[in-house]
Amino acid sequence: MTEPEAAADLAERPFDELVAELQRIVQALEAGNLPLEESIARYREALRLHAAAETRLREAELTISQLGRGMGADASDEAAATEGDG
C-alpha cells in the first residue's frame, strides 16, 4: 500500500477504531518483547494513527464550533423576530 492509499484508508476508518488500534500498538510496545525492527514499524504506524485521529478531532471541533455559531445566529434571529412583534 502506498502512502496516499494508507492515508486514505485511515481517513475512512472510524475514530474509535483508530484509537483502539493505537492502544493495541502502545500496549505491544510497552510490553517490550518485540524485535527492534518491528518496534520501529509499529511506532511508525502509531504515529500515522495518531495523526489521523488528531485530524479527525480537529474536524469535529470545527464542526461543533460552526454548529455553535449557527445556533447563536438562530437565537439572535429568534430574538429579533420576537422584538419585532412587540
N, C-alpha and C. Protein backbone atom coordinates (compact mmCIF):
# COMPACT_ATOMS: atom_id res chain seq x y z
N MET A 1 0.85 -1.17 0.00
CA MET A 1 0.00 0.00 0.00
C MET A 1 0.90 1.24 0.00
N THR A 2 0.60 2.20 -0.91
CA THR A 2 1.40 3.42 -0.97
C THR A 2 0.97 4.38 0.13
N GLU A 3 1.79 5.39 0.36
CA GLU A 3 1.50 6.38 1.41
C GLU A 3 0.13 7.04 1.23
N PRO A 4 -0.21 7.56 0.01
CA PRO A 4 -1.55 8.16 -0.15
C PRO A 4 -2.68 7.16 0.07
N GLU A 5 -2.49 5.91 -0.37
CA GLU A 5 -3.52 4.88 -0.14
C GLU A 5 -3.68 4.62 1.35
N ALA A 6 -2.58 4.56 2.06
CA ALA A 6 -2.63 4.32 3.50
C ALA A 6 -3.33 5.47 4.21
N ALA A 7 -3.04 6.70 3.80
CA ALA A 7 -3.68 7.87 4.41
C ALA A 7 -5.18 7.86 4.13
N ALA A 8 -5.55 7.48 2.91
CA ALA A 8 -6.97 7.42 2.56
C ALA A 8 -7.67 6.33 3.38
N ASP A 9 -6.98 5.21 3.58
CA ASP A 9 -7.53 4.12 4.39
C ASP A 9 -7.80 4.61 5.81
N LEU A 10 -6.86 5.33 6.39
CA LEU A 10 -7.03 5.85 7.74
C LEU A 10 -8.16 6.87 7.80
N ALA A 11 -8.31 7.67 6.77
CA ALA A 11 -9.36 8.68 6.74
C ALA A 11 -10.75 8.04 6.72
N GLU A 12 -10.83 6.81 6.20
CA GLU A 12 -12.12 6.12 6.10
C GLU A 12 -12.49 5.38 7.38
N ARG A 13 -11.50 5.10 8.22
CA ARG A 13 -11.77 4.30 9.41
C ARG A 13 -12.43 5.14 10.50
N PRO A 14 -13.34 4.54 11.27
CA PRO A 14 -13.98 5.27 12.36
C PRO A 14 -12.96 5.69 13.42
N PHE A 15 -13.22 6.82 14.07
CA PHE A 15 -12.32 7.35 15.09
C PHE A 15 -12.05 6.32 16.18
N ASP A 16 -13.10 5.68 16.66
CA ASP A 16 -12.93 4.69 17.74
C ASP A 16 -12.01 3.55 17.33
N GLU A 17 -12.07 3.17 16.07
CA GLU A 17 -11.20 2.11 15.56
C GLU A 17 -9.74 2.58 15.53
N LEU A 18 -9.52 3.83 15.15
CA LEU A 18 -8.16 4.38 15.15
C LEU A 18 -7.58 4.36 16.57
N VAL A 19 -8.38 4.79 17.53
CA VAL A 19 -7.91 4.85 18.91
C VAL A 19 -7.65 3.45 19.45
N ALA A 20 -8.52 2.50 19.15
CA ALA A 20 -8.34 1.13 19.63
C ALA A 20 -7.06 0.52 19.06
N GLU A 21 -6.81 0.74 17.77
CA GLU A 21 -5.59 0.22 17.16
C GLU A 21 -4.35 0.89 17.77
N LEU A 22 -4.45 2.17 18.00
CA LEU A 22 -3.34 2.89 18.64
C LEU A 22 -3.06 2.33 20.03
N GLN A 23 -4.10 2.04 20.78
CA GLN A 23 -3.93 1.46 22.11
C GLN A 23 -3.27 0.08 22.04
N ARG A 24 -3.67 -0.72 21.06
CA ARG A 24 -3.06 -2.05 20.91
C ARG A 24 -1.56 -1.93 20.62
N ILE A 25 -1.20 -0.99 19.77
CA ILE A 25 0.22 -0.79 19.44
C ILE A 25 0.99 -0.33 20.66
N VAL A 26 0.43 0.61 21.40
CA VAL A 26 1.11 1.12 22.60
C VAL A 26 1.32 -0.02 23.59
N GLN A 27 0.32 -0.86 23.78
CA GLN A 27 0.46 -1.98 24.71
C GLN A 27 1.56 -2.94 24.25
N ALA A 28 1.61 -3.21 22.94
CA ALA A 28 2.64 -4.10 22.42
C ALA A 28 4.03 -3.50 22.62
N LEU A 29 4.14 -2.20 22.38
CA LEU A 29 5.44 -1.54 22.57
C LEU A 29 5.84 -1.51 24.04
N GLU A 30 4.88 -1.25 24.90
CA GLU A 30 5.18 -1.19 26.33
C GLU A 30 5.58 -2.55 26.88
N ALA A 31 5.06 -3.63 26.29
CA ALA A 31 5.41 -4.97 26.75
C ALA A 31 6.91 -5.22 26.57
N GLY A 32 7.49 -4.57 25.55
CA GLY A 32 8.93 -4.64 25.36
C GLY A 32 9.49 -5.95 24.83
N ASN A 33 8.64 -6.80 24.26
CA ASN A 33 9.15 -8.08 23.80
C ASN A 33 9.18 -8.20 22.27
N LEU A 34 9.08 -7.08 21.57
CA LEU A 34 9.15 -7.09 20.10
C LEU A 34 10.59 -6.87 19.65
N PRO A 35 10.95 -7.44 18.51
CA PRO A 35 12.27 -7.13 17.95
C PRO A 35 12.34 -5.64 17.59
N LEU A 36 13.53 -5.10 17.56
CA LEU A 36 13.73 -3.68 17.30
C LEU A 36 13.05 -3.23 16.01
N GLU A 37 13.24 -3.97 14.94
CA GLU A 37 12.68 -3.58 13.64
C GLU A 37 11.16 -3.51 13.70
N GLU A 38 10.55 -4.48 14.36
CA GLU A 38 9.10 -4.48 14.47
C GLU A 38 8.62 -3.35 15.38
N SER A 39 9.37 -3.07 16.42
CA SER A 39 9.04 -1.95 17.31
C SER A 39 9.03 -0.64 16.52
N ILE A 40 10.01 -0.46 15.69
CA ILE A 40 10.09 0.76 14.88
C ILE A 40 8.92 0.83 13.91
N ALA A 41 8.61 -0.29 13.26
CA ALA A 41 7.49 -0.32 12.32
C ALA A 41 6.18 -0.01 13.03
N ARG A 42 5.99 -0.58 14.20
CA ARG A 42 4.76 -0.32 14.96
C ARG A 42 4.71 1.13 15.43
N TYR A 43 5.86 1.67 15.81
CA TYR A 43 5.91 3.07 16.24
C TYR A 43 5.50 3.99 15.08
N ARG A 44 6.02 3.69 13.89
CA ARG A 44 5.63 4.48 12.70
C ARG A 44 4.12 4.41 12.47
N GLU A 45 3.58 3.21 12.58
CA GLU A 45 2.13 3.03 12.40
C GLU A 45 1.37 3.82 13.47
N ALA A 46 1.86 3.80 14.69
CA ALA A 46 1.21 4.55 15.77
C ALA A 46 1.21 6.05 15.47
N LEU A 47 2.30 6.55 14.91
CA LEU A 47 2.36 7.97 14.55
C LEU A 47 1.32 8.30 13.48
N ARG A 48 1.16 7.41 12.50
CA ARG A 48 0.16 7.62 11.45
C ARG A 48 -1.26 7.60 12.04
N LEU A 49 -1.51 6.64 12.92
CA LEU A 49 -2.82 6.55 13.55
C LEU A 49 -3.11 7.79 14.40
N HIS A 50 -2.10 8.22 15.15
CA HIS A 50 -2.25 9.41 15.99
C HIS A 50 -2.58 10.62 15.14
N ALA A 51 -1.85 10.80 14.03
CA ALA A 51 -2.09 11.95 13.16
C ALA A 51 -3.51 11.90 12.58
N ALA A 52 -3.96 10.72 12.17
CA ALA A 52 -5.31 10.59 11.62
C ALA A 52 -6.36 10.89 12.67
N ALA A 53 -6.17 10.39 13.89
CA ALA A 53 -7.12 10.65 14.97
C ALA A 53 -7.13 12.13 15.34
N GLU A 54 -5.97 12.74 15.38
CA GLU A 54 -5.88 14.17 15.71
C GLU A 54 -6.58 15.01 14.64
N THR A 55 -6.41 14.65 13.38
CA THR A 55 -7.09 15.35 12.30
C THR A 55 -8.60 15.22 12.46
N ARG A 56 -9.05 14.01 12.77
CA ARG A 56 -10.48 13.78 12.96
C ARG A 56 -11.02 14.63 14.11
N LEU A 57 -10.24 14.74 15.19
CA LEU A 57 -10.67 15.55 16.33
C LEU A 57 -10.75 17.03 15.95
N ARG A 58 -9.77 17.52 15.21
CA ARG A 58 -9.80 18.92 14.77
C ARG A 58 -11.03 19.18 13.90
N GLU A 59 -11.33 18.24 13.01
CA GLU A 59 -12.52 18.39 12.16
C GLU A 59 -13.79 18.42 13.00
N ALA A 60 -13.85 17.57 14.02
CA ALA A 60 -15.02 17.55 14.89
C ALA A 60 -15.14 18.86 15.67
N GLU A 61 -14.02 19.38 16.17
CA GLU A 61 -14.04 20.66 16.88
C GLU A 61 -14.53 21.78 15.98
N LEU A 62 -14.07 21.78 14.74
CA LEU A 62 -14.50 22.80 13.78
C LEU A 62 -15.99 22.68 13.51
N THR A 63 -16.47 21.47 13.32
CA THR A 63 -17.90 21.26 13.09
C THR A 63 -18.72 21.74 14.27
N ILE A 64 -18.30 21.39 15.47
CA ILE A 64 -19.02 21.80 16.68
C ILE A 64 -19.01 23.32 16.81
N SER A 65 -17.87 23.93 16.53
CA SER A 65 -17.76 25.38 16.59
C SER A 65 -18.71 26.04 15.59
N GLN A 66 -18.73 25.50 14.37
CA GLN A 66 -19.63 26.06 13.35
C GLN A 66 -21.09 25.87 13.74
N LEU A 67 -21.41 24.73 14.30
CA LEU A 67 -22.79 24.49 14.73
C LEU A 67 -23.16 25.45 15.86
N GLY A 68 -22.22 25.68 16.77
CA GLY A 68 -22.46 26.61 17.87
C GLY A 68 -22.72 28.02 17.36
N ARG A 69 -21.94 28.44 16.38
CA ARG A 69 -22.16 29.77 15.80
C ARG A 69 -23.50 29.82 15.09
N GLY A 70 -23.84 28.73 14.43
CA GLY A 70 -25.13 28.67 13.74
C GLY A 70 -26.28 28.75 14.72
N MET A 71 -26.16 28.09 15.85
CA MET A 71 -27.20 28.13 16.87
C MET A 71 -27.28 29.52 17.47
N GLY A 72 -26.13 30.16 17.64
CA GLY A 72 -26.12 31.53 18.15
C GLY A 72 -26.82 32.47 17.20
N ALA A 73 -26.63 32.26 15.90
CA ALA A 73 -27.30 33.08 14.89
C ALA A 73 -28.79 32.81 14.91
N ASP A 74 -29.18 31.55 15.09
CA ASP A 74 -30.60 31.20 15.16
C ASP A 74 -31.25 31.88 16.36
N ALA A 75 -30.57 31.89 17.50
CA ALA A 75 -31.10 32.52 18.70
C ALA A 75 -31.23 34.02 18.48
N SER A 76 -30.26 34.64 17.81
CA SER A 76 -30.32 36.07 17.53
C SER A 76 -31.48 36.38 16.60
N ASP A 77 -31.69 35.54 15.59
CA ASP A 77 -32.79 35.73 14.65
C ASP A 77 -34.13 35.63 15.37
N GLU A 78 -34.24 34.65 16.29
CA GLU A 78 -35.50 34.49 17.04
C GLU A 78 -35.74 35.68 17.93
N ALA A 79 -34.69 36.17 18.59
CA ALA A 79 -34.83 37.33 19.46
C ALA A 79 -35.25 38.57 18.65
N ALA A 80 -34.66 38.76 17.49
CA ALA A 80 -35.00 39.89 16.65
C ALA A 80 -36.44 39.77 16.17
N ALA A 81 -36.87 38.57 15.84
CA ALA A 81 -38.24 38.37 15.38
C ALA A 81 -39.23 38.64 16.51
N THR A 82 -38.87 38.22 17.72
CA THR A 82 -39.73 38.44 18.87
C THR A 82 -39.84 39.93 19.18
N GLU A 83 -38.71 40.66 19.11
CA GLU A 83 -38.72 42.09 19.36
C GLU A 83 -39.54 42.83 18.32
N GLY A 84 -39.48 42.36 17.08
CA GLY A 84 -40.24 42.99 16.00
C GLY A 84 -41.74 42.82 16.17
N ASP A 85 -42.16 41.78 16.89
CA ASP A 85 -43.58 41.52 17.07
C ASP A 85 -44.18 42.44 18.12
N GLY A 86 -43.32 42.97 19.00
CA GLY A 86 -43.80 43.70 20.15
C GLY A 86 -44.05 45.08 19.92
